Amino acid sequence: QVQLVESGGGLVQAGGSLRLSCETSGSAFRFAAMGWYRQAPGKQRELVADMTSGGSTKYADSVKGRFTISRDNARNTVYLQMNRLKPEDTAVYYCHAEAVYWGQGTQVTVSS
């Protein structure tokens, strides 16, 4: 059984930084793509960043240049470094593996 557990969310002022972590219960090598989605109140869930096992990345236009996704396969963990946060980044952030397995979500709130 695959489990994804996110951590690192919280409340931060605009311009600040947070790092989200997503630890998987199994080897991350098994998954072609892992990454992060987010869902703000009243909005659909949207892609934030994805990374393949080969290291290719994809970012939403709204976070390019501010967010960085990385993975440590030895630790079975995917990270999302979020810099220069904006109030519109406020959402619940979900880690996924192959868009099949999902974490429980972690709240990120950016105050203006």
PDB file of N, CA and C in Angstrom:
ATOM      1  N   GLN A   1       0.853  -1.193   0.000  1.00  0.00           N
ATOM      2  CA  GLN A   1       0.000   0.000   0.000  1.00  0.00           C
ATOM      3  C   GLN A   1       0.884   1.236   0.000  1.00  0.00           C
ATOM      4  N   VAL A   2       0.575   2.159  -0.893  1.00  0.00           N
ATOM      5  CA  VAL A   2       1.371   3.376  -1.012  1.00  0.00           C
ATOM      6  C   VAL A   2       0.749   4.475  -0.166  1.00  0.00           C
ATOM      7  N   GLN A   3       1.566   5.138   0.609  1.00  0.00           N
ATOM      8  CA  GLN A   3       1.099   6.287   1.387  1.00  0.00           C
ATOM      9  C   GLN A   3       2.004   7.466   1.136  1.00  0.00           C
ATOM     10  N   LEU A   4       1.404   8.639   1.009  1.00  0.00           N
ATOM     11  CA  LEU A   4       2.133   9.881   0.843  1.00  0.00           C
ATOM     12  C   LEU A   4       1.775  10.797   2.006  1.00  0.00           C
ATOM     13  N   VAL A   5       2.780  11.316   2.676  1.00  0.00           N
ATOM     14  CA  VAL A   5       2.542  12.167   3.843  1.00  0.00           C
ATOM     15  C   VAL A   5       3.243  13.496   3.629  1.00  0.00           C
ATOM     16  N   GLU A   6       2.438  14.575   3.540  1.00  0.00           N
ATOM     17  CA  GLU A   6       2.986  15.909   3.344  1.00  0.00           C
ATOM     18  C   GLU A   6       3.269  16.572   4.685  1.00  0.00           C
ATOM     19  N   SER A   7       4.203  17.502   4.661  1.00  0.00           N
ATOM     20  CA  SER A   7       4.485  18.336   5.821  1.00  0.00           C
ATOM     21  C   SER A   7       5.114  19.630   5.338  1.00  0.00           C
ATOM     22  N   GLY A   8       5.161  20.624   6.227  1.00  0.00           N
ATOM     23  CA  GLY A   8       5.852  21.859   5.911  1.00  0.00           C
ATOM     24  C   GLY A   8       4.954  23.042   5.618  1.00  0.00           C
ATOM     25  N   GLY A   9       3.656  22.845   5.586  1.00  0.00           N
ATOM     26  CA  GLY A   9       2.761  23.977   5.348  1.00  0.00           C
ATOM     27  C   GLY A   9       2.702  24.885   6.554  1.00  0.00           C
ATOM     28  N   GLY A  10       2.019  26.023   6.383  1.00  0.00           N
ATOM     29  CA  GLY A  10       1.886  26.941   7.494  1.00  0.00           C
ATOM     30  C   GLY A  10       1.480  28.314   7.026  1.00  0.00           C
ATOM     31  N   LEU A  11       1.614  29.274   7.931  1.00  0.00           N
ATOM     32  CA  LEU A  11       1.269  30.663   7.669  1.00  0.00           C
ATOM     33  C   LEU A  11       2.549  31.464   7.478  1.00  0.00           C
ATOM     34  N   VAL A  12       2.601  32.238   6.407  1.00  0.00           N
ATOM     35  CA  VAL A  12       3.789  33.033   6.118  1.00  0.00           C
ATOM     36  C   VAL A  12       3.349  34.357   5.504  1.00  0.00           C
ATOM     37  N   GLN A  13       4.151  35.383   5.700  1.00  0.00           N
ATOM     38  CA  GLN A  13       3.859  36.675   5.095  1.00  0.00           C
ATOM     39  C   GLN A  13       4.259  36.686   3.626  1.00  0.00           C
ATOM     40  N   ALA A  14       3.610  37.525   2.862  1.00  0.00           N
ATOM     41  CA  ALA A  14       3.959  37.677   1.453  1.00  0.00           C
ATOM     42  C   ALA A  14       5.449  37.994   1.324  1.00  0.00           C
ATOM     43  N   GLY A  15       6.072  37.345   0.352  1.00  0.00           N
ATOM     44  CA  GLY A  15       7.507  37.507   0.162  1.00  0.00           C
ATOM     45  C   GLY A  15       8.345  36.466   0.882  1.00  0.00           C
ATOM     46  N   GLY A  16       7.715  35.716   1.770  1.00  0.00           N
ATOM     47  CA  GLY A  16       8.433  34.701   2.529  1.00  0.00           C
ATOM     48  C   GLY A  16       8.574  33.387   1.788  1.00  0.00           C
ATOM     49  N   SER A  17       9.105  32.403   2.491  1.00  0.00           N
ATOM     50  CA  SER A  17       9.379  31.093   1.888  1.00  0.00           C
ATOM     51  C   SER A  17       8.874  29.972   2.779  1.00  0.00           C
ATOM     52  N   LEU A  18       8.557  28.865   2.144  1.00  0.00           N
ATOM     53  CA  LEU A  18       8.223  27.622   2.819  1.00  0.00           C
ATOM     54  C   LEU A  18       8.778  26.470   1.993  1.00  0.00           C
ATOM     55  N   ARG A  19       9.071  25.353   2.664  1.00  0.00           N
ATOM     56  CA  ARG A  19       9.445  24.140   1.940  1.00  0.00           C
ATOM     57  C   ARG A  19       8.503  23.019   2.347  1.00  0.00           C
ATOM     58  N   LEU A  20       7.824  22.477   1.366  1.00  0.00           N
ATOM     59  CA  LEU A  20       6.944  21.337   1.591  1.00  0.00           C
ATOM     60  C   LEU A  20       7.709  20.042   1.332  1.00  0.00           C
ATOM     61  N   SER A  21       7.376  19.037   2.119  1.00  0.00           N
ATOM     62  CA  SER A  21       7.971  17.712   1.943  1.00  0.00           C
ATOM     63  C   SER A  21       6.865  16.687   1.766  1.00  0.00           C
ATOM     64  N   CYS A  22       7.148  15.677   0.972  1.00  0.00           N
ATOM     65  CA  CYS A  22       6.200  14.586   0.765  1.00  0.00           C
ATOM     66  C   CYS A  22       6.978  13.283   0.839  1.00  0.00           C
ATOM     67  N   GLU A  23       6.755  12.542   1.893  1.00  0.00           N
ATOM     68  CA  GLU A  23       7.454  11.274   2.086  1.00  0.00           C
ATOM     69  C   GLU A  23       6.543  10.136   1.656  1.00  0.00           C
ATOM     70  N   THR A  24       7.103   9.245   0.855  1.00  0.00           N
ATOM     71  CA  THR A  24       6.323   8.110   0.378  1.00  0.00           C
ATOM     72  C   THR A  24       6.700   6.859   1.158  1.00  0.00           C
ATOM     73  N   SER A  25       5.769   5.937   1.181  1.00  0.00           N
ATOM     74  CA  SER A  25       5.995   4.711   1.933  1.00  0.00           C
ATOM     75  C   SER A  25       6.820   3.705   1.145  1.00  0.00           C
ATOM     76  N   GLY A  26       6.913   3.919  -0.172  1.00  0.00           N
ATOM     77  CA  GLY A  26       7.667   2.983  -0.984  1.00  0.00           C
ATOM     78  C   GLY A  26       8.707   3.706  -1.797  1.00  0.00           C
ATOM     79  N   SER A  27       9.444   2.979  -2.572  1.00  0.00           N
ATOM     80  CA  SER A  27      10.505   3.578  -3.358  1.00  0.00           C
ATOM     81  C   SER A  27       9.940   4.517  -4.410  1.00  0.00           C
ATOM     82  N   ALA A  28      10.460   5.725  -4.437  1.00  0.00           N
ATOM     83  CA  ALA A  28      10.000   6.705  -5.414  1.00  0.00           C
ATOM     84  C   ALA A  28      10.373   6.291  -6.829  1.00  0.00           C
ATOM     85  N   PHE A  29      11.301   5.375  -6.969  1.00  0.00           N
ATOM     86  CA  PHE A  29      11.661   4.927  -8.303  1.00  0.00           C
ATOM     87  C   PHE A  29      10.499   4.257  -9.016  1.00  0.00           C
ATOM     88  N   ARG A  30       9.562   3.767  -8.268  1.00  0.00           N
ATOM     89  CA  ARG A  30       8.445   3.077  -8.893  1.00  0.00           C
ATOM     90  C   ARG A  30       7.526   4.011  -9.662  1.00  0.00           C
ATOM     91  N   PHE A  31       7.647   5.295  -9.418  1.00  0.00           N
ATOM     92  CA  PHE A  31       6.703   6.242  -9.994  1.00  0.00           C
ATOM     93  C   PHE A  31       7.370   7.075 -11.075  1.00  0.00           C
ATOM     94  N   ALA A  32       6.732   7.159 -12.220  1.00  0.00           N
ATOM     95  CA  ALA A  32       7.298   7.938 -13.309  1.00  0.00           C
ATOM     96  C   ALA A  32       7.257   9.425 -13.015  1.00  0.00           C
ATOM     97  N   ALA A  33       6.217   9.862 -12.342  1.00  0.00           N
ATOM     98  CA  ALA A  33       6.081  11.279 -12.055  1.00  0.00           C
ATOM     99  C   ALA A  33       5.534  11.475 -10.650  1.00  0.00           C
ATOM    100  N   MET A  34       6.106  12.405  -9.959  1.00  0.00           N
ATOM    101  CA  MET A  34       5.590  12.808  -8.656  1.00  0.00           C
ATOM    102  C   MET A  34       5.569  14.315  -8.641  1.00  0.00           C
ATOM    103  N   GLY A  35       4.717  14.855  -7.836  1.00  0.00           N
ATOM    104  CA  GLY A  35       4.682  16.303  -7.809  1.00  0.00           C
ATOM    105  C   GLY A  35       3.619  16.851  -6.890  1.00  0.00           C
ATOM    106  N   TRP A  36       3.244  18.073  -7.190  1.00  0.00           N
ATOM    107  CA  TRP A  36       2.354  18.820  -6.312  1.00  0.00           C
ATOM    108  C   TRP A  36       1.226  19.480  -7.097  1.00  0.00           C
ATOM    109  N   TYR A  37       0.036  19.404  -6.524  1.00  0.00           N
ATOM    110  CA  TYR A  37      -1.107  20.158  -6.979  1.00  0.00           C
ATOM    111  C   TYR A  37      -1.549  21.037  -5.820  1.00  0.00           C
ATOM    112  N   ARG A  38      -2.403  21.994  -6.104  1.00  0.00           N
ATOM    113  CA  ARG A  38      -2.983  22.795  -5.040  1.00  0.00           C
ATOM    114  C   ARG A  38      -4.437  23.116  -5.359  1.00  0.00           C
ATOM    115  N   GLN A  39      -5.185  23.387  -4.303  1.00  0.00           N
ATOM    116  CA  GLN A  39      -6.584  23.751  -4.464  1.00  0.00           C
ATOM    117  C   GLN A  39      -6.930  24.870  -3.505  1.00  0.00           C
ATOM    118  N   ALA A  40      -7.304  25.995  -4.082  1.00  0.00           N
ATOM    119  CA  ALA A  40      -7.744  27.139  -3.288  1.00  0.00           C
ATOM    120  C   ALA A  40      -9.259  27.061  -3.101  1.00  0.00           C
ATOM    121  N   PRO A  41      -9.786  27.723  -2.083  1.00  0.00           N
ATOM    122  CA  PRO A  41     -11.235  27.681  -1.838  1.00  0.00           C
ATOM    123  C   PRO A  41     -12.028  28.132  -3.056  1.00  0.00           C
ATOM    124  N   GLY A  42     -13.007  27.329  -3.457  1.00  0.00           N
ATOM    125  CA  GLY A  42     -13.862  27.684  -4.575  1.00  0.00           C
ATOM    126  C   GLY A  42     -13.237  27.486  -5.941  1.00  0.00           C
ATOM    127  N   LYS A  43     -12.034  26.913  -5.978  1.00  0.00           N
ATOM    128  CA  LYS A  43     -11.346  26.717  -7.257  1.00  0.00           C
ATOM    129  C   LYS A  43     -11.035  25.241  -7.474  1.00  0.00           C
ATOM    130  N   GLN A  44     -10.756  24.901  -8.738  1.00  0.00           N
ATOM    131  CA  GLN A  44     -10.386  23.527  -9.063  1.00  0.00           C
ATOM    132  C   GLN A  44      -8.944  23.265  -8.663  1.00  0.00           C
ATOM    133  N   ARG A  45      -8.661  21.983  -8.438  1.00  0.00           N
ATOM    134  CA  ARG A  45      -7.283  21.599  -8.157  1.00  0.00           C
ATOM    135  C   ARG A  45      -6.440  21.835  -9.409  1.00  0.00           C
ATOM    136  N   GLU A  46      -5.246  22.395  -9.212  1.00  0.00           N
ATOM    137  CA  GLU A  46      -4.392  22.729 -10.348  1.00  0.00           C
ATOM    138  C   GLU A  46      -2.969  22.235 -10.121  1.00  0.00           C
ATOM    139  N   LEU A  47      -2.314  21.921 -11.217  1.00  0.00           N
ATOM    140  CA  LEU A  47      -0.919  21.501 -11.144  1.00  0.00           C
ATOM    141  C   LEU A  47      -0.045  22.649 -10.687  1.00  0.00           C
ATOM    142  N   VAL A  48       0.871  22.351  -9.789  1.00  0.00           N
ATOM    143  CA  VAL A  48       1.888  23.319  -9.367  1.00  0.00           C
ATOM    144  C   VAL A  48       3.229  22.941  -9.992  1.00  0.00           C
ATOM    145  N   ALA A  49       3.674  21.707  -9.762  1.00  0.00           N
ATOM    146  CA  ALA A  49       4.961  21.264 -10.289  1.00  0.00           C
ATOM    147  C   ALA A  49       5.007  19.752 -10.331  1.00  0.00           C
ATOM    148  N   ASP A  50       5.654  19.227 -11.354  1.00  0.00           N
ATOM    149  CA  ASP A  50       5.837  17.788 -11.503  1.00  0.00           C
ATOM    150  C   ASP A  50       7.295  17.491 -11.818  1.00  0.00           C
ATOM    151  N   MET A  51       7.720  16.284 -11.447  1.00  0.00           N
ATOM    152  CA  MET A  51       9.061  15.840 -11.780  1.00  0.00           C
ATOM    153  C   MET A  51       9.038  14.350 -12.102  1.00  0.00           C
ATOM    154  N   THR A  52       9.665  13.972 -13.226  1.00  0.00           N
ATOM    155  CA  THR A  52       9.760  12.557 -13.585  1.00  0.00           C
ATOM    156  C   THR A  52      10.929  11.918 -12.841  1.00  0.00           C
ATOM    157  N   SER A  53      10.990  10.594 -12.911  1.00  0.00           N
ATOM    158  CA  SER A  53      12.104   9.906 -12.272  1.00  0.00           C
ATOM    159  C   SER A  53      13.424  10.286 -12.931  1.00  0.00           C
ATOM    160  N   GLY A  54      13.355  10.734 -14.194  1.00  0.00           N
ATOM    161  CA  GLY A  54      14.565  11.160 -14.887  1.00  0.00           C
ATOM    162  C   GLY A  54      14.970  12.585 -14.593  1.00  0.00           C
ATOM    163  N   GLY A  55      14.145  13.299 -13.858  1.00  0.00           N
ATOM    164  CA  GLY A  55      14.510  14.646 -13.453  1.00  0.00           C
ATOM    165  C   GLY A  55      13.878  15.762 -14.264  1.00  0.00           C
ATOM    166  N   SER A  56      13.079  15.419 -15.270  1.00  0.00           N
ATOM    167  CA  SER A  56      12.404  16.475 -16.038  1.00  0.00           C
ATOM    168  C   SER A  56      11.338  17.130 -15.172  1.00  0.00           C
ATOM    169  N   THR A  57      11.225  18.442 -15.313  1.00  0.00           N
ATOM    170  CA  THR A  57      10.281  19.178 -14.476  1.00  0.00           C
ATOM    171  C   THR A  57       9.283  19.956 -15.316  1.00  0.00           C
ATOM    172  N   LYS A  58       8.152  20.218 -14.711  1.00  0.00           N
ATOM    173  CA  LYS A  58       7.114  21.041 -15.317  1.00  0.00           C
ATOM    174  C   LYS A  58       6.502  21.887 -14.217  1.00  0.00           C
ATOM    175  N   TYR A  59       6.295  23.164 -14.521  1.00  0.00           N
ATOM    176  CA  TYR A  59       5.752  24.101 -13.544  1.00  0.00           C
ATOM    177  C   TYR A  59       4.555  24.850 -14.113  1.00  0.00           C
ATOM    178  N   ALA A  60       3.637  25.215 -13.240  1.00  0.00           N
ATOM    179  CA  ALA A  60       2.588  26.138 -13.628  1.00  0.00           C
ATOM    180  C   ALA A  60       3.223  27.491 -13.916  1.00  0.00           C
ATOM    181  N   ASP A  61       2.677  28.202 -14.891  1.00  0.00           N
ATOM    182  CA  ASP A  61       3.248  29.510 -15.236  1.00  0.00           C
ATOM    183  C   ASP A  61       3.267  30.447 -14.034  1.00  0.00           C
ATOM    184  N   SER A  62       2.284  30.320 -13.177  1.00  0.00           N
ATOM    185  CA  SER A  62       2.159  31.245 -12.049  1.00  0.00           C
ATOM    186  C   SER A  62       3.247  31.065 -10.991  1.00  0.00           C
ATOM    187  N   VAL A  63       3.968  29.928 -11.038  1.00  0.00           N
ATOM    188  CA  VAL A  63       4.996  29.695 -10.013  1.00  0.00           C
ATOM    189  C   VAL A  63       6.405  29.608 -10.593  1.00  0.00           C
ATOM    190  N   LYS A  64       6.529  29.663 -11.906  1.00  0.00           N
ATOM    191  CA  LYS A  64       7.857  29.574 -12.525  1.00  0.00           C
ATOM    192  C   LYS A  64       8.761  30.669 -12.007  1.00  0.00           C
ATOM    193  N   GLY A  65       9.988  30.282 -11.657  1.00  0.00           N
ATOM    194  CA  GLY A  65      10.946  31.240 -11.143  1.00  0.00           C
ATOM    195  C   GLY A  65      10.844  31.463  -9.644  1.00  0.00           C
ATOM    196  N   ARG A  66       9.783  30.964  -9.029  1.00  0.00           N
ATOM    197  CA  ARG A  66       9.615  31.132  -7.577  1.00  0.00           C
ATOM    198  C   ARG A  66       9.629  29.793  -6.840  1.00  0.00           C
ATOM    199  N   PHE A  67       9.107  28.761  -7.457  1.00  0.00           N
ATOM    200  CA  PHE A  67       9.015  27.444  -6.823  1.00  0.00           C
ATOM    201  C   PHE A  67      10.003  26.484  -7.491  1.00  0.00           C
ATOM    202  N   THR A  68      10.531  25.574  -6.702  1.00  0.00           N
ATOM    203  CA  THR A  68      11.436  24.550  -7.228  1.00  0.00           C
ATOM    204  C   THR A  68      11.062  23.192  -6.654  1.00  0.00           C
ATOM    205  N   ILE A  69      10.868  22.225  -7.546  1.00  0.00           N
ATOM    206  CA  ILE A  69      10.581  20.864  -7.108  1.00  0.00           C
ATOM    207  C   ILE A  69      11.865  20.049  -7.174  1.00  0.00           C
ATOM    208  N   SER A  70      12.024  19.170  -6.197  1.00  0.00           N
ATOM    209  CA  SER A  70      13.186  18.288  -6.175  1.00  0.00           C
ATOM    210  C   SER A  70      12.778  16.970  -5.527  1.00  0.00           C
ATOM    211  N   ARG A  71      13.590  15.951  -5.739  1.00  0.00           N
ATOM    212  CA  ARG A  71      13.280  14.662  -5.118  1.00  0.00           C
ATOM    213  C   ARG A  71      14.555  14.014  -4.631  1.00  0.00           C
ATOM    214  N   ASP A  72      14.466  13.353  -3.495  1.00  0.00           N
ATOM    215  CA  ASP A  72      15.566  12.606  -2.926  1.00  0.00           C
ATOM    216  C   ASP A  72      15.116  11.151  -2.897  1.00  0.00           C
ATOM    217  N   ASN A  73      15.528  10.398  -3.905  1.00  0.00           N
ATOM    218  CA  ASN A  73      15.049   9.025  -4.014  1.00  0.00           C
ATOM    219  C   ASN A  73      15.564   8.144  -2.880  1.00  0.00           C
ATOM    220  N   ALA A  74      16.704   8.486  -2.325  1.00  0.00           N
ATOM    221  CA  ALA A  74      17.226   7.705  -1.194  1.00  0.00           C
ATOM    222  C   ALA A  74      16.339   7.857   0.035  1.00  0.00           C
ATOM    223  N   ARG A  75      15.696   9.013   0.148  1.00  0.00           N
ATOM    224  CA  ARG A  75      14.804   9.274   1.279  1.00  0.00           C
ATOM    225  C   ARG A  75      13.332   9.095   0.909  1.00  0.00           C
ATOM    226  N   ASN A  76      13.064   8.685  -0.351  1.00  0.00           N
ATOM    227  CA  ASN A  76      11.680   8.531  -0.819  1.00  0.00           C
ATOM    228  C   ASN A  76      10.872   9.795  -0.585  1.00  0.00           C
ATOM    229  N   THR A  77      11.460  10.939  -0.856  1.00  0.00           N
ATOM    230  CA  THR A  77      10.837  12.215  -0.519  1.00  0.00           C
ATOM    231  C   THR A  77      10.903  13.178  -1.696  1.00  0.00           C
ATOM    232  N   VAL A  78       9.801  13.879  -1.894  1.00  0.00           N
ATOM    233  CA  VAL A  78       9.726  14.948  -2.887  1.00  0.00           C
ATOM    234  C   VAL A  78       9.545  16.264  -2.143  1.00  0.00           C
ATOM    235  N   TYR A  79      10.210  17.289  -2.604  1.00  0.00           N
ATOM    236  CA  TYR A  79      10.161  18.593  -1.955  1.00  0.00           C
ATOM    237  C   TYR A  79       9.595  19.650  -2.901  1.00  0.00           C
ATOM    238  N   LEU A  80       9.027  20.688  -2.311  1.00  0.00           N
ATOM    239  CA  LEU A  80       8.637  21.870  -3.073  1.00  0.00           C
ATOM    240  C   LEU A  80       9.130  23.089  -2.299  1.00  0.00           C
ATOM    241  N   GLN A  81      10.161  23.716  -2.815  1.00  0.00           N
ATOM    242  CA  GLN A  81      10.673  24.948  -2.223  1.00  0.00           C
ATOM    243  C   GLN A  81       9.900  26.102  -2.819  1.00  0.00           C
ATOM    244  N   MET A  82       9.266  26.885  -1.980  1.00  0.00           N
ATOM    245  CA  MET A  82       8.412  27.982  -2.428  1.00  0.00           C
ATOM    246  C   MET A  82       8.994  29.293  -1.901  1.00  0.00           C
ATOM    247  N   ASN A  83       9.428  30.131  -2.812  1.00  0.00           N
ATOM    248  CA  ASN A  83      10.009  31.428  -2.462  1.00  0.00           C
ATOM    249  C   ASN A  83       9.133  32.547  -2.990  1.00  0.00           C
ATOM    250  N   ARG A  84       9.330  33.738  -2.433  1.00  0.00           N
ATOM    251  CA  ARG A  84       8.581  34.926  -2.868  1.00  0.00           C
ATOM    252  C   ARG A  84       7.090  34.620  -2.941  1.00  0.00           C
ATOM    253  N   LEU A  85       6.589  34.080  -1.862  1.00  0.00           N
ATOM    254  CA  LEU A  85       5.186  33.670  -1.825  1.00  0.00           C
ATOM    255  C   LEU A  85       4.260  34.878  -1.922  1.00  0.00           C
ATOM    256  N   LYS A  86       3.111  34.645  -2.554  1.00  0.00           N
ATOM    257  CA  LYS A  86       2.107  35.675  -2.752  1.00  0.00           C
ATOM    258  C   LYS A  86       0.793  35.217  -2.108  1.00  0.00           C
ATOM    259  N   PRO A  87      -0.080  36.144  -1.760  1.00  0.00           N
ATOM    260  CA  PRO A  87      -1.375  35.744  -1.180  1.00  0.00           C
ATOM    261  C   PRO A  87      -2.143  34.781  -2.083  1.00  0.00           C
ATOM    262  N   GLU A  88      -1.978  34.912  -3.391  1.00  0.00           N
ATOM    263  CA  GLU A  88      -2.701  34.012  -4.301  1.00  0.00           C
ATOM    264  C   GLU A  88      -2.140  32.601  -4.317  1.00  0.00           C
ATOM    265  N   ASP A  89      -1.047  32.366  -3.622  1.00  0.00           N
ATOM    266  CA  ASP A  89      -0.526  31.010  -3.462  1.00  0.00           C
ATOM    267  C   ASP A  89      -1.235  30.261  -2.336  1.00  0.00           C
ATOM    268  N   THR A  90      -2.085  30.959  -1.598  1.00  0.00           N
ATOM    269  CA  THR A  90      -2.817  30.329  -0.510  1.00  0.00           C
ATOM    270  C   THR A  90      -3.694  29.203  -1.034  1.00  0.00           C
ATOM    271  N   ALA A  91      -3.523  28.011  -0.486  1.00  0.00           N
ATOM    272  CA  ALA A  91      -4.255  26.836  -0.953  1.00  0.00           C
ATOM    273  C   ALA A  91      -3.874  25.647  -0.082  1.00  0.00           C
ATOM    274  N   VAL A  92      -4.588  24.555  -0.289  1.00  0.00           N
ATOM    275  CA  VAL A  92      -4.158  23.265   0.244  1.00  0.00           C
ATOM    276  C   VAL A  92      -3.294  22.613  -0.832  1.00  0.00           C
ATOM    277  N   TYR A  93      -2.109  22.208  -0.459  1.00  0.00           N
ATOM    278  CA  TYR A  93      -1.159  21.616  -1.394  1.00  0.00           C
ATOM    279  C   TYR A  93      -1.150  20.100  -1.206  1.00  0.00           C
ATOM    280  N   TYR A  94      -1.284  19.401  -2.330  1.00  0.00           N
ATOM    281  CA  TYR A  94      -1.358  17.949  -2.308  1.00  0.00           C
ATOM    282  C   TYR A  94      -0.184  17.358  -3.090  1.00  0.00           C
ATOM    283  N   CYS A  95       0.447  16.374  -2.499  1.00  0.00           N
ATOM    284  CA  CYS A  95       1.473  15.605  -3.180  1.00  0.00           C
ATOM    285  C   CYS A  95       0.800  14.451  -3.922  1.00  0.00           C
ATOM    286  N   HIS A  96       1.323  14.110  -5.083  1.00  0.00           N
ATOM    287  CA  HIS A  96       0.774  12.973  -5.818  1.00  0.00           C
ATOM    288  C   HIS A  96       1.893  12.113  -6.383  1.00  0.00           C
ATOM    289  N   ALA A  97       1.535  10.883  -6.674  1.00  0.00           N
ATOM    290  CA  ALA A  97       2.421   9.964  -7.384  1.00  0.00           C
ATOM    291  C   ALA A  97       1.630   9.392  -8.549  1.00  0.00           C
ATOM    292  N   GLU A  98       2.062   9.714  -9.739  1.00  0.00           N
ATOM    293  CA  GLU A  98       1.394   9.264 -10.966  1.00  0.00           C
ATOM    294  C   GLU A  98      -0.049   9.739 -11.063  1.00  0.00           C
ATOM    295  N   ALA A  99      -0.418  10.751 -10.286  1.00  0.00           N
ATOM    296  CA  ALA A  99      -1.800  11.250 -10.245  1.00  0.00           C
ATOM    297  C   ALA A  99      -2.776  10.139  -9.865  1.00  0.00           C
ATOM    298  N   VAL A 100      -2.250   9.110  -9.221  1.00  0.00           N
ATOM    299  CA  VAL A 100      -3.073   7.988  -8.752  1.00  0.00           C
ATOM    300  C   VAL A 100      -3.116   7.973  -7.232  1.00  0.00           C
ATOM    301  N   TYR A 101      -1.971   8.165  -6.620  1.00  0.00           N
ATOM    302  CA  TYR A 101      -1.861   8.197  -5.167  1.00  0.00           C
ATOM    303  C   TYR A 101      -1.729   9.644  -4.720  1.00  0.00           C
ATOM    304  N   TRP A 102      -2.429   9.979  -3.650  1.00  0.00           N
ATOM    305  CA  TRP A 102      -2.465  11.358  -3.164  1.00  0.00           C
ATOM    306  C   TRP A 102      -2.237  11.407  -1.662  1.00  0.00           C
ATOM    307  N   GLY A 103      -1.584  12.494  -1.226  1.00  0.00           N
ATOM    308  CA  GLY A 103      -1.458  12.748   0.191  1.00  0.00           C
ATOM    309  C   GLY A 103      -2.716  13.411   0.731  1.00  0.00           C
ATOM    310  N   GLN A 104      -2.693  13.692   2.031  1.00  0.00           N
ATOM    311  CA  GLN A 104      -3.879  14.250   2.679  1.00  0.00           C
ATOM    312  C   GLN A 104      -3.954  15.766   2.505  1.00  0.00           C
ATOM    313  N   GLY A 105      -2.886  16.383   2.074  1.00  0.00           N
ATOM    314  CA  GLY A 105      -2.861  17.820   1.858  1.00  0.00           C
ATOM    315  C   GLY A 105      -2.268  18.564   3.033  1.00  0.00           C
ATOM    316  N   THR A 106      -1.643  19.689   2.740  1.00  0.00           N
ATOM    317  CA  THR A 106      -1.101  20.571   3.776  1.00  0.00           C
ATOM    318  C   THR A 106      -1.463  22.005   3.418  1.00  0.00           C
ATOM    319  N   GLN A 107      -1.932  22.742   4.412  1.00  0.00           N
ATOM    320  CA  GLN A 107      -2.421  24.106   4.172  1.00  0.00           C
ATOM    321  C   GLN A 107      -1.260  25.087   4.109  1.00  0.00           C
ATOM    322  N   VAL A 108      -1.282  25.911   3.084  1.00  0.00           N
ATOM    323  CA  VAL A 108      -0.342  27.028   2.959  1.00  0.00           C
ATOM    324  C   VAL A 108      -1.166  28.310   2.919  1.00  0.00           C
ATOM    325  N   THR A 109      -0.880  29.211   3.835  1.00  0.00           N
ATOM    326  CA  THR A 109      -1.589  30.485   3.895  1.00  0.00           C
ATOM    327  C   THR A 109      -0.577  31.615   3.837  1.00  0.00           C
ATOM    328  N   VAL A 110      -0.758  32.511   2.869  1.00  0.00           N
ATOM    329  CA  VAL A 110       0.151  33.635   2.683  1.00  0.00           C
ATOM    330  C   VAL A 110      -0.622  34.916   2.970  1.00  0.00           C
ATOM    331  N   SER A 111      -0.185  35.636   3.981  1.00  0.00           N
ATOM    332  CA  SER A 111      -0.853  36.865   4.362  1.00  0.00           C
ATOM    333  C   SER A 111      -0.226  38.063   3.647  1.00  0.00           C
ATOM    334  N   SER A 112      -1.054  39.047   3.381  1.00  0.00           N
ATOM    335  CA  SER A 112      -0.564  40.242   2.664  1.00  0.00           C
ATOM    336  C   SER A 112      -0.053  41.296   3.632  1.00  0.00           C
TER     337      SER A 112
END
